[in-house]
């Protein structure tokens, strides 16, 4: 994600996108969603493996893939059972993003599909060069019609990653989300503390133009008014309130470490805000609008 933000050719696009996004959010308002529109996103999961039988190693099971789709549909609709209690100071900021996901039922060629595409690339692990230079260009489905998710075992330059995503404006043959085998979904080949499917929730947030809540620099900005200012990334598990009255101008509620766009463990993150929902919907009505006319799920989304 950072790699695109630092690319000079992306800078102009990004500045225009920020202007558009600010205008969209202002017009729509970043208050609670009206739930008048539901955005349905067709997903293709590209399983990159090393010849293992289906359900073992990197060749993850259908059940593991389905468990991830289920998590996304809860997290983006505020249907997750671990959402904040009304007693938490950040509860009023939580919101339904009105975004749902389905495994594609129609492939780009018009034939029926399971939405799962398996490839044996003959390697036990894959680094950035493998993923961006070889795997993505050779397997990607039309990025204007599908959210492409690749699931593989990271190695080399990517060995410390849980996942990574491209923001709007990324190269056409690289656009999508990549997630590590052991932190995709909630069952099968998953490993604690990233076994609740939240890596994909976080990375898809980036795909829809969300930033990290600390703005990737000390007391940075994520361009969203209702995410509390944060000094830096948070890890592990925190307890509320955390880092109250911080040096960024935070208040007694502290930092919104439980936001999906922070780095804490899967069982400690549980919310998007109204402002984040509005920003993602801006992306869906702007650079990601092709997804709304896709028949990948059988029919385009309806209002």
C-alpha atoms as a PDB file:
ATOM      1  CA  UNK A   1       0.000   0.000   0.000  1.00  0.00           C
ATOM      2  CA  UNK A   2       2.743   2.439   0.971  1.00  0.00           C
ATOM      3  CA  UNK A   3       4.609   1.654  -2.206  1.00  0.00           C
ATOM      4  CA  UNK A   4       1.769   3.186  -4.284  1.00  0.00           C
ATOM      5  CA  UNK A   5       1.364   6.203  -2.045  1.00  0.00           C
ATOM      6  CA  UNK A   6       5.050   7.030  -2.562  1.00  0.00           C
ATOM      7  CA  UNK A   7       4.871   6.683  -6.350  1.00  0.00           C
ATOM      8  CA  UNK A   8       5.095  10.139  -8.025  1.00  0.00           C
ATOM      9  CA  UNK A   9       2.662   9.154 -10.798  1.00  0.00           C
ATOM     10  CA  UNK A  10       0.109   8.233  -8.136  1.00  0.00           C
ATOM     11  CA  UNK A  11       0.448  11.592  -6.375  1.00  0.00           C
ATOM     12  CA  UNK A  12      -1.652  13.624  -8.832  1.00  0.00           C
ATOM     13  CA  UNK A  13      -4.355  10.962  -8.948  1.00  0.00           C
ATOM     14  CA  UNK A  14      -4.365  10.818  -5.147  1.00  0.00           C
ATOM     15  CA  UNK A  15      -4.742  14.598  -4.795  1.00  0.00           C
ATOM     16  CA  UNK A  16      -7.693  14.603  -7.207  1.00  0.00           C
ATOM     17  CA  UNK A  17      -9.213  11.620  -5.404  1.00  0.00           C
ATOM     18  CA  UNK A  18      -8.889  13.354  -2.018  1.00  0.00           C
ATOM     19  CA  UNK A  19     -10.666  16.438  -3.379  1.00  0.00           C
ATOM     20  CA  UNK A  20     -13.454  14.297  -4.816  1.00  0.00           C
ATOM     21  CA  UNK A  21     -13.731  12.251  -1.605  1.00  0.00           C
ATOM     22  CA  UNK A  22     -13.943  15.332   0.610  1.00  0.00           C
ATOM     23  CA  UNK A  23     -16.674  16.757  -1.629  1.00  0.00           C
ATOM     24  CA  UNK A  24     -18.598  13.457  -1.651  1.00  0.00           C
ATOM     25  CA  UNK A  25     -18.433  13.059   2.115  1.00  0.00           C
ATOM     26  CA  UNK A  26     -19.510  16.672   2.618  1.00  0.00           C
ATOM     27  CA  UNK A  27     -22.506  16.240   0.306  1.00  0.00           C
ATOM     28  CA  UNK A  28     -23.554  12.874   1.696  1.00  0.00           C
ATOM     29  CA  UNK A  29     -22.732  13.717   5.275  1.00  0.00           C
ATOM     30  CA  UNK A  30     -20.712  11.383   7.451  1.00  0.00           C
ATOM     31  CA  UNK A  31     -23.572  10.795   9.869  1.00  0.00           C
ATOM     32  CA  UNK A  32     -25.058   7.348  10.423  1.00  0.00           C
ATOM     33  CA  UNK A  33     -25.739   5.558   7.165  1.00  0.00           C
ATOM     34  CA  UNK A  34     -29.336   5.584   5.973  1.00  0.00           C
ATOM     35  CA  UNK A  35     -29.136   1.922   4.903  1.00  0.00           C
ATOM     36  CA  UNK A  36     -30.883   2.960   1.689  1.00  0.00           C
ATOM     37  CA  UNK A  37     -28.174   1.525  -0.551  1.00  0.00           C
ATOM     38  CA  UNK A  38     -26.447  -1.828  -0.363  1.00  0.00           C
ATOM     39  CA  UNK A  39     -23.252  -2.273  -2.320  1.00  0.00           C
ATOM     40  CA  UNK A  40     -22.649  -5.880  -3.344  1.00  0.00           C
ATOM     41  CA  UNK A  41     -19.081  -6.703  -4.296  1.00  0.00           C
ATOM     42  CA  UNK A  42     -18.200  -9.768  -6.421  1.00  0.00           C
ATOM     43  CA  UNK A  43     -15.068 -11.481  -5.103  1.00  0.00           C
ATOM     44  CA  UNK A  44     -12.706 -13.920  -6.758  1.00  0.00           C
ATOM     45  CA  UNK A  45     -10.286 -15.737  -4.461  1.00  0.00           C
ATOM     46  CA  UNK A  46      -7.101 -16.856  -6.209  1.00  0.00           C
ATOM     47  CA  UNK A  47      -5.545 -19.634  -4.111  1.00  0.00           C
ATOM     48  CA  UNK A  48      -1.818 -19.807  -4.854  1.00  0.00           C
ATOM     49  CA  UNK A  49      -0.288 -23.087  -3.709  1.00  0.00           C
ATOM     50  CA  UNK A  50       2.558 -25.553  -4.193  1.00  0.00           C
ATOM     51  CA  UNK A  51       0.686 -28.615  -5.375  1.00  0.00           C
ATOM     52  CA  UNK A  52      -0.867 -29.546  -2.049  1.00  0.00           C
ATOM     53  CA  UNK A  53      -4.212 -31.338  -2.110  1.00  0.00           C
ATOM     54  CA  UNK A  54      -7.243 -29.101  -1.610  1.00  0.00           C
ATOM     55  CA  UNK A  55      -7.681 -28.356   2.072  1.00  0.00           C
ATOM     56  CA  UNK A  56      -4.048 -28.805   3.080  1.00  0.00           C
ATOM     57  CA  UNK A  57      -1.177 -26.333   3.348  1.00  0.00           C
ATOM     58  CA  UNK A  58      -1.501 -23.303   1.104  1.00  0.00           C
ATOM     59  CA  UNK A  59      -4.260 -24.937  -0.977  1.00  0.00           C
ATOM     60  CA  UNK A  60      -6.878 -23.831   1.530  1.00  0.00           C
ATOM     61  CA  UNK A  61     -10.328 -25.402   1.784  1.00  0.00           C
ATOM     62  CA  UNK A  62     -13.613 -24.040   0.490  1.00  0.00           C
ATOM     63  CA  UNK A  63     -14.745 -23.901   4.127  1.00  0.00           C
ATOM     64  CA  UNK A  64     -11.834 -21.605   5.012  1.00  0.00           C
ATOM     65  CA  UNK A  65     -12.666 -19.314   2.087  1.00  0.00           C
ATOM     66  CA  UNK A  66     -16.371 -19.250   2.973  1.00  0.00           C
ATOM     67  CA  UNK A  67     -15.508 -18.416   6.583  1.00  0.00           C
ATOM     68  CA  UNK A  68     -13.654 -15.302   5.392  1.00  0.00           C
ATOM     69  CA  UNK A  69     -16.538 -14.105   3.234  1.00  0.00           C
ATOM     70  CA  UNK A  70     -18.822 -14.560   6.252  1.00  0.00           C
ATOM     71  CA  UNK A  71     -16.516 -12.390   8.400  1.00  0.00           C
ATOM     72  CA  UNK A  72     -16.463  -9.633   5.780  1.00  0.00           C
ATOM     73  CA  UNK A  73     -20.247  -9.614   5.564  1.00  0.00           C
ATOM     74  CA  UNK A  74     -20.489  -9.209   9.327  1.00  0.00           C
ATOM     75  CA  UNK A  75     -17.698  -6.648   9.740  1.00  0.00           C
ATOM     76  CA  UNK A  76     -18.801  -4.335   6.917  1.00  0.00           C
ATOM     77  CA  UNK A  77     -22.459  -4.455   8.038  1.00  0.00           C
ATOM     78  CA  UNK A  78     -21.836  -4.029  11.793  1.00  0.00           C
ATOM     79  CA  UNK A  79     -23.272  -7.504  12.357  1.00  0.00           C
ATOM     80  CA  UNK A  80     -20.158  -8.785  14.138  1.00  0.00           C
ATOM     81  CA  UNK A  81     -20.984 -10.243  17.540  1.00  0.00           C
ATOM     82  CA  UNK A  82     -17.934  -8.585  19.124  1.00  0.00           C
ATOM     83  CA  UNK A  83     -19.016  -5.023  18.276  1.00  0.00           C
ATOM     84  CA  UNK A  84     -18.571  -2.390  20.978  1.00  0.00           C
ATOM     85  CA  UNK A  85     -20.963  -2.225  23.889  1.00  0.00           C
ATOM     86  CA  UNK A  86     -23.076   0.949  24.166  1.00  0.00           C
ATOM     87  CA  UNK A  87     -21.157   1.755  27.353  1.00  0.00           C
ATOM     88  CA  UNK A  88     -17.958   2.266  25.333  1.00  0.00           C
ATOM     89  CA  UNK A  89     -17.274   5.910  24.462  1.00  0.00           C
ATOM     90  CA  UNK A  90     -16.629   5.007  20.823  1.00  0.00           C
ATOM     91  CA  UNK A  91     -19.916   3.113  20.403  1.00  0.00           C
ATOM     92  CA  UNK A  92     -21.724   6.139  18.842  1.00  0.00           C
ATOM     93  CA  UNK A  93     -19.091   6.247  16.077  1.00  0.00           C
ATOM     94  CA  UNK A  94     -19.576   2.644  14.936  1.00  0.00           C
ATOM     95  CA  UNK A  95     -21.504   2.153  11.710  1.00  0.00           C
ATOM     96  CA  UNK A  96     -22.824  -0.153   9.031  1.00  0.00           C
ATOM     97  CA  UNK A  97     -20.798   0.442   5.839  1.00  0.00           C
ATOM     98  CA  UNK A  98     -23.599  -1.024   3.668  1.00  0.00           C
ATOM     99  CA  UNK A  99     -21.079  -3.158   1.777  1.00  0.00           C
ATOM    100  CA  UNK A 100     -21.564  -6.889   1.240  1.00  0.00           C
ATOM    101  CA  UNK A 101     -19.427  -9.473  -0.524  1.00  0.00           C
ATOM    102  CA  UNK A 102     -20.196 -12.606  -2.526  1.00  0.00           C
ATOM    103  CA  UNK A 103     -17.995 -15.179  -4.165  1.00  0.00           C
ATOM    104  CA  UNK A 104     -18.469 -14.544  -7.880  1.00  0.00           C
ATOM    105  CA  UNK A 105     -20.949 -16.805  -9.666  1.00  0.00           C
ATOM    106  CA  UNK A 106     -20.136 -15.514 -13.146  1.00  0.00           C
ATOM    107  CA  UNK A 107     -16.573 -15.427 -14.501  1.00  0.00           C
ATOM    108  CA  UNK A 108     -15.341 -12.711 -16.916  1.00  0.00           C
ATOM    109  CA  UNK A 109     -16.060 -15.048 -19.854  1.00  0.00           C
ATOM    110  CA  UNK A 110     -19.707 -15.298 -18.799  1.00  0.00           C
ATOM    111  CA  UNK A 111     -19.472 -18.900 -17.601  1.00  0.00           C
ATOM    112  CA  UNK A 112     -20.523 -19.967 -14.131  1.00  0.00           C
ATOM    113  CA  UNK A 113     -17.807 -20.101 -11.461  1.00  0.00           C
ATOM    114  CA  UNK A 114     -17.337 -20.925  -7.800  1.00  0.00           C
ATOM    115  CA  UNK A 115     -15.435 -17.664  -7.364  1.00  0.00           C
ATOM    116  CA  UNK A 116     -12.406 -19.725  -6.332  1.00  0.00           C
ATOM    117  CA  UNK A 117      -9.450 -19.991  -8.701  1.00  0.00           C
ATOM    118  CA  UNK A 118      -6.610 -22.333  -7.726  1.00  0.00           C
ATOM    119  CA  UNK A 119      -3.069 -22.096  -9.131  1.00  0.00           C
ATOM    120  CA  UNK A 120      -0.012 -24.224  -8.481  1.00  0.00           C
ATOM    121  CA  UNK A 121       2.999 -21.972  -8.999  1.00  0.00           C
ATOM    122  CA  UNK A 122       5.414 -24.591  -7.704  1.00  0.00           C
ATOM    123  CA  UNK A 123       6.856 -22.559  -4.839  1.00  0.00           C
ATOM    124  CA  UNK A 124       6.416 -22.960  -1.100  1.00  0.00           C
ATOM    125  CA  UNK A 125       6.480 -19.168  -0.523  1.00  0.00           C
ATOM    126  CA  UNK A 126       6.070 -15.983  -2.580  1.00  0.00           C
ATOM    127  CA  UNK A 127       7.678 -12.544  -2.252  1.00  0.00           C
ATOM    128  CA  UNK A 128       6.658  -9.135  -3.633  1.00  0.00           C
ATOM    129  CA  UNK A 129       8.315  -9.732  -7.018  1.00  0.00           C
ATOM    130  CA  UNK A 130       6.550 -13.082  -7.429  1.00  0.00           C
ATOM    131  CA  UNK A 131       3.180 -11.689  -6.420  1.00  0.00           C
ATOM    132  CA  UNK A 132       3.121  -8.315  -8.206  1.00  0.00           C
ATOM    133  CA  UNK A 133       5.276  -9.275 -11.187  1.00  0.00           C
ATOM    134  CA  UNK A 134       4.114 -12.794 -12.030  1.00  0.00           C
ATOM    135  CA  UNK A 135       1.104 -14.055 -10.118  1.00  0.00           C
ATOM    136  CA  UNK A 136      -1.178 -11.016 -10.287  1.00  0.00           C
ATOM    137  CA  UNK A 137      -0.769 -10.183 -14.011  1.00  0.00           C
ATOM    138  CA  UNK A 138      -1.274 -13.841 -14.974  1.00  0.00           C
ATOM    139  CA  UNK A 139      -4.329 -14.545 -12.839  1.00  0.00           C
ATOM    140  CA  UNK A 140      -6.210 -11.262 -12.318  1.00  0.00           C
ATOM    141  CA  UNK A 141      -9.851 -10.963 -13.329  1.00  0.00           C
ATOM    142  CA  UNK A 142     -11.143  -7.601 -14.600  1.00  0.00           C
ATOM    143  CA  UNK A 143     -10.447  -5.307 -11.655  1.00  0.00           C
ATOM    144  CA  UNK A 144     -13.361  -3.074 -12.646  1.00  0.00           C
ATOM    145  CA  UNK A 145     -15.811  -5.946 -12.176  1.00  0.00           C
ATOM    146  CA  UNK A 146     -14.272  -8.031  -9.371  1.00  0.00           C
ATOM    147  CA  UNK A 147     -12.435  -7.618  -6.104  1.00  0.00           C
ATOM    148  CA  UNK A 148      -9.431  -9.862  -6.654  1.00  0.00           C
ATOM    149  CA  UNK A 149      -8.088 -11.536  -3.508  1.00  0.00           C
ATOM    150  CA  UNK A 150      -4.954 -13.661  -3.674  1.00  0.00           C
ATOM    151  CA  UNK A 151      -4.194 -16.033  -0.801  1.00  0.00           C
ATOM    152  CA  UNK A 152      -0.661 -17.387  -0.541  1.00  0.00           C
ATOM    153  CA  UNK A 153       2.187 -18.123   1.841  1.00  0.00           C
ATOM    154  CA  UNK A 154       4.511 -15.115   2.092  1.00  0.00           C
ATOM    155  CA  UNK A 155       8.289 -15.395   1.980  1.00  0.00           C
ATOM    156  CA  UNK A 156      11.414 -13.404   1.184  1.00  0.00           C
ATOM    157  CA  UNK A 157      10.748  -9.637   0.997  1.00  0.00           C
ATOM    158  CA  UNK A 158       7.136 -10.285   2.040  1.00  0.00           C
ATOM    159  CA  UNK A 159       7.847 -12.755   4.846  1.00  0.00           C
ATOM    160  CA  UNK A 160       6.765 -10.445   7.684  1.00  0.00           C
ATOM    161  CA  UNK A 161       3.417  -9.540   6.096  1.00  0.00           C
ATOM    162  CA  UNK A 162      -0.090 -10.513   7.074  1.00  0.00           C
ATOM    163  CA  UNK A 163      -1.442  -8.977   3.871  1.00  0.00           C
ATOM    164  CA  UNK A 164      -1.266  -5.972   1.565  1.00  0.00           C
ATOM    165  CA  UNK A 165      -3.636  -4.098  -0.690  1.00  0.00           C
ATOM    166  CA  UNK A 166      -3.676  -1.600  -3.531  1.00  0.00           C
ATOM    167  CA  UNK A 167      -5.524   1.693  -3.072  1.00  0.00           C
ATOM    168  CA  UNK A 168      -7.629   3.151  -5.906  1.00  0.00           C
ATOM    169  CA  UNK A 169      -5.407   4.164  -8.824  1.00  0.00           C
ATOM    170  CA  UNK A 170      -3.102   1.153  -8.676  1.00  0.00           C
ATOM    171  CA  UNK A 171      -1.812  -0.441 -11.917  1.00  0.00           C
ATOM    172  CA  UNK A 172      -4.542  -2.339 -13.733  1.00  0.00           C
ATOM    173  CA  UNK A 173      -2.757  -5.711 -13.561  1.00  0.00           C
ATOM    174  CA  UNK A 174      -1.876  -5.479  -9.853  1.00  0.00           C
ATOM    175  CA  UNK A 175      -5.090  -4.173  -8.332  1.00  0.00           C
ATOM    176  CA  UNK A 176      -6.482  -6.095  -5.382  1.00  0.00           C
ATOM    177  CA  UNK A 177      -5.776  -7.614  -2.001  1.00  0.00           C
ATOM    178  CA  UNK A 178      -3.236 -10.265  -0.957  1.00  0.00           C
ATOM    179  CA  UNK A 179      -3.651 -12.203   2.296  1.00  0.00           C
ATOM    180  CA  UNK A 180      -1.421 -14.758   4.004  1.00  0.00           C
ATOM    181  CA  UNK A 181      -2.651 -18.358   4.068  1.00  0.00           C
ATOM    182  CA  UNK A 182      -2.743 -18.617   7.864  1.00  0.00           C
ATOM    183  CA  UNK A 183      -4.687 -15.411   8.493  1.00  0.00           C
ATOM    184  CA  UNK A 184      -7.470 -15.777   5.933  1.00  0.00           C
ATOM    185  CA  UNK A 185     -10.791 -16.796   7.459  1.00  0.00           C
ATOM    186  CA  UNK A 186     -11.542 -18.414  10.801  1.00  0.00           C
ATOM    187  CA  UNK A 187     -11.190 -22.138  10.194  1.00  0.00           C
ATOM    188  CA  UNK A 188      -8.776 -24.534   8.530  1.00  0.00           C
ATOM    189  CA  UNK A 189      -5.174 -23.395   8.194  1.00  0.00           C
ATOM    190  CA  UNK A 190      -5.355 -20.293  10.427  1.00  0.00           C
ATOM    191  CA  UNK A 191      -3.060 -19.236  13.262  1.00  0.00           C
ATOM    192  CA  UNK A 192      -3.723 -17.116  16.354  1.00  0.00           C
ATOM    193  CA  UNK A 193      -3.767 -14.150  16.972  1.00  0.00           C
ATOM    194  CA  UNK A 194      -4.771 -13.458  13.351  1.00  0.00           C
ATOM    195  CA  UNK A 195      -7.420 -16.173  13.082  1.00  0.00           C
ATOM    196  CA  UNK A 196     -10.624 -14.123  13.062  1.00  0.00           C
ATOM    197  CA  UNK A 197     -10.484 -12.942   9.434  1.00  0.00           C
ATOM    198  CA  UNK A 198      -9.693  -9.330  10.291  1.00  0.00           C
ATOM    199  CA  UNK A 199      -6.594  -9.077   8.061  1.00  0.00           C
ATOM    200  CA  UNK A 200      -8.888  -9.160   5.029  1.00  0.00           C
ATOM    201  CA  UNK A 201     -11.281  -6.647   6.626  1.00  0.00           C
ATOM    202  CA  UNK A 202      -8.323  -4.271   7.155  1.00  0.00           C
ATOM    203  CA  UNK A 203      -6.843  -4.733   3.679  1.00  0.00           C
ATOM    204  CA  UNK A 204     -10.189  -4.343   1.910  1.00  0.00           C
ATOM    205  CA  UNK A 205     -10.520  -1.080   3.847  1.00  0.00           C
ATOM    206  CA  UNK A 206      -7.324   0.046   2.065  1.00  0.00           C
ATOM    207  CA  UNK A 207      -8.726  -1.178  -1.269  1.00  0.00           C
ATOM    208  CA  UNK A 208     -11.680   1.175  -0.662  1.00  0.00           C
ATOM    209  CA  UNK A 209      -9.315   4.084   0.110  1.00  0.00           C
ATOM    210  CA  UNK A 210      -9.083   3.948   3.911  1.00  0.00           C
ATOM    211  CA  UNK A 211      -5.812   4.874   5.581  1.00  0.00           C
ATOM    212  CA  UNK A 212      -4.386   3.605   8.838  1.00  0.00           C
ATOM    213  CA  UNK A 213      -5.947   5.557  11.682  1.00  0.00           C
ATOM    214  CA  UNK A 214      -2.583   7.017  12.758  1.00  0.00           C
ATOM    215  CA  UNK A 215      -1.956   8.323   9.230  1.00  0.00           C
ATOM    216  CA  UNK A 216       1.335   6.409   8.835  1.00  0.00           C
ATOM    217  CA  UNK A 217       3.311   9.033  10.696  1.00  0.00           C
ATOM    218  CA  UNK A 218       3.396  10.295  14.289  1.00  0.00           C
ATOM    219  CA  UNK A 219      -0.008  11.902  14.921  1.00  0.00           C
ATOM    220  CA  UNK A 220      -0.731  11.703  11.184  1.00  0.00           C
ATOM    221  CA  UNK A 221      -4.133  12.030   9.544  1.00  0.00           C
ATOM    222  CA  UNK A 222      -6.366   9.469   7.871  1.00  0.00           C
ATOM    223  CA  UNK A 223      -8.509  12.312   6.393  1.00  0.00           C
ATOM    224  CA  UNK A 224     -11.498  11.203   8.491  1.00  0.00           C
ATOM    225  CA  UNK A 225     -13.078  13.420  11.134  1.00  0.00           C
ATOM    226  CA  UNK A 226     -14.544  10.801  13.457  1.00  0.00           C
ATOM    227  CA  UNK A 227     -11.546   8.526  14.000  1.00  0.00           C
ATOM    228  CA  UNK A 228      -9.740   9.629  17.154  1.00  0.00           C
ATOM    229  CA  UNK A 229      -6.212  11.035  16.646  1.00  0.00           C
ATOM    230  CA  UNK A 230      -3.523   8.421  17.311  1.00  0.00           C
ATOM    231  CA  UNK A 231       0.203   8.773  17.908  1.00  0.00           C
ATOM    232  CA  UNK A 232       1.241   5.582  16.115  1.00  0.00           C
ATOM    233  CA  UNK A 233       0.177   2.032  15.297  1.00  0.00           C
ATOM    234  CA  UNK A 234      -1.177  -0.074  18.135  1.00  0.00           C
ATOM    235  CA  UNK A 235      -0.360  -3.770  18.473  1.00  0.00           C
ATOM    236  CA  UNK A 236      -1.484  -6.697  20.596  1.00  0.00           C
ATOM    237  CA  UNK A 237      -4.531  -5.966  22.713  1.00  0.00           C
ATOM    238  CA  UNK A 238      -5.397  -2.770  24.545  1.00  0.00           C
ATOM    239  CA  UNK A 239      -8.050  -1.898  27.087  1.00  0.00           C
ATOM    240  CA  UNK A 240     -10.384   1.075  26.873  1.00  0.00           C
ATOM    241  CA  UNK A 241      -9.563   3.891  27.334  1.00  0.00           C
ATOM    242  CA  UNK A 242      -6.050   3.604  25.935  1.00  0.00           C
ATOM    243  CA  UNK A 243      -3.594   6.527  25.766  1.00  0.00           C
ATOM    244  CA  UNK A 244      -6.197   9.075  26.864  1.00  0.00           C
ATOM    245  CA  UNK A 245      -5.434  12.747  26.195  1.00  0.00           C
ATOM    246  CA  UNK A 246      -2.560  11.812  23.908  1.00  0.00           C
ATOM    247  CA  UNK A 247      -0.097  14.270  22.401  1.00  0.00           C
ATOM    248  CA  UNK A 248      -2.108  14.476  19.144  1.00  0.00           C
ATOM    249  CA  UNK A 249      -4.972  16.299  20.848  1.00  0.00           C
ATOM    250  CA  UNK A 250      -6.909  13.199  21.826  1.00  0.00           C
ATOM    251  CA  UNK A 251      -9.490  13.304  24.589  1.00  0.00           C
ATOM    252  CA  UNK A 252     -10.493  11.118  27.536  1.00  0.00           C
ATOM    253  CA  UNK A 253     -11.733   8.373  25.208  1.00  0.00           C
ATOM    254  CA  UNK A 254      -8.147   7.788  24.111  1.00  0.00           C
ATOM    255  CA  UNK A 255      -7.171   6.093  20.853  1.00  0.00           C
ATOM    256  CA  UNK A 256      -9.518   4.085  18.654  1.00  0.00           C
ATOM    257  CA  UNK A 257      -7.294   1.004  18.739  1.00  0.00           C
ATOM    258  CA  UNK A 258     -10.349  -1.218  18.151  1.00  0.00           C
ATOM    259  CA  UNK A 259     -10.774   0.249  14.658  1.00  0.00           C
ATOM    260  CA  UNK A 260     -10.213  -2.190  11.795  1.00  0.00           C
ATOM    261  CA  UNK A 261      -7.585   0.176  10.368  1.00  0.00           C
ATOM    262  CA  UNK A 262      -5.224  -0.227  13.326  1.00  0.00           C
ATOM    263  CA  UNK A 263      -2.839  -3.164  13.856  1.00  0.00           C
ATOM    264  CA  UNK A 264      -4.127  -4.824  17.029  1.00  0.00           C
ATOM    265  CA  UNK A 265      -4.924  -8.551  17.234  1.00  0.00           C
ATOM    266  CA  UNK A 266      -7.992  -9.909  15.437  1.00  0.00           C
ATOM    267  CA  UNK A 267     -10.014 -10.461  18.616  1.00  0.00           C
ATOM    268  CA  UNK A 268      -9.474  -6.830  19.707  1.00  0.00           C
ATOM    269  CA  UNK A 269     -10.630  -4.969  16.572  1.00  0.00           C
ATOM    270  CA  UNK A 270     -14.285  -4.622  15.754  1.00  0.00           C
ATOM    271  CA  UNK A 271     -15.402  -1.348  14.129  1.00  0.00           C
ATOM    272  CA  UNK A 272     -15.548   1.065  11.226  1.00  0.00           C
ATOM    273  CA  UNK A 273     -16.829   4.614  11.828  1.00  0.00           C
ATOM    274  CA  UNK A 274     -19.508   6.591   9.971  1.00  0.00           C
ATOM    275  CA  UNK A 275     -16.736   8.676   8.404  1.00  0.00           C
ATOM    276  CA  UNK A 276     -14.924   5.565   7.200  1.00  0.00           C
ATOM    277  CA  UNK A 277     -18.175   4.213   5.764  1.00  0.00           C
ATOM    278  CA  UNK A 278     -18.711   7.482   3.869  1.00  0.00           C
ATOM    279  CA  UNK A 279     -15.129   7.442   2.560  1.00  0.00           C
ATOM    280  CA  UNK A 280     -15.457   3.862   1.292  1.00  0.00           C
ATOM    281  CA  UNK A 281     -18.752   4.717  -0.361  1.00  0.00           C
ATOM    282  CA  UNK A 282     -17.036   7.668  -2.035  1.00  0.00           C
ATOM    283  CA  UNK A 283     -14.549   5.201  -3.536  1.00  0.00           C
ATOM    284  CA  UNK A 284     -17.419   2.958  -4.645  1.00  0.00           C
ATOM    285  CA  UNK A 285     -19.136   5.874  -6.363  1.00  0.00           C
ATOM    286  CA  UNK A 286     -15.820   7.073  -7.834  1.00  0.00           C
ATOM    287  CA  UNK A 287     -12.781   5.033  -8.897  1.00  0.00           C
ATOM    288  CA  UNK A 288     -14.311   1.710  -7.786  1.00  0.00           C
ATOM    289  CA  UNK A 289     -17.715   2.319  -9.412  1.00  0.00           C
ATOM    290  CA  UNK A 290     -17.233  -0.458 -11.970  1.00  0.00           C
ATOM    291  CA  UNK A 291     -17.867  -2.944  -9.183  1.00  0.00           C
ATOM    292  CA  UNK A 292     -21.419  -1.616  -8.858  1.00  0.00           C
ATOM    293  CA  UNK A 293     -22.352  -2.552 -12.429  1.00  0.00           C
ATOM    294  CA  UNK A 294     -20.687  -5.964 -12.334  1.00  0.00           C
ATOM    295  CA  UNK A 295     -22.834  -9.041 -12.878  1.00  0.00           C
ATOM    296  CA  UNK A 296     -20.211 -11.143 -11.083  1.00  0.00           C
ATOM    297  CA  UNK A 297     -22.698 -11.907  -8.313  1.00  0.00           C
ATOM    298  CA  UNK A 298     -25.419 -12.664 -10.832  1.00  0.00           C
ATOM    299  CA  UNK A 299     -26.839  -9.145 -10.930  1.00  0.00           C
ATOM    300  CA  UNK A 300     -25.584  -5.643 -10.114  1.00  0.00           C
ATOM    301  CA  UNK A 301     -26.352  -4.103  -6.732  1.00  0.00           C
ATOM    302  CA  UNK A 302     -29.683  -2.375  -6.381  1.00  0.00           C
ATOM    303  CA  UNK A 303     -30.874   0.651  -4.464  1.00  0.00           C
END
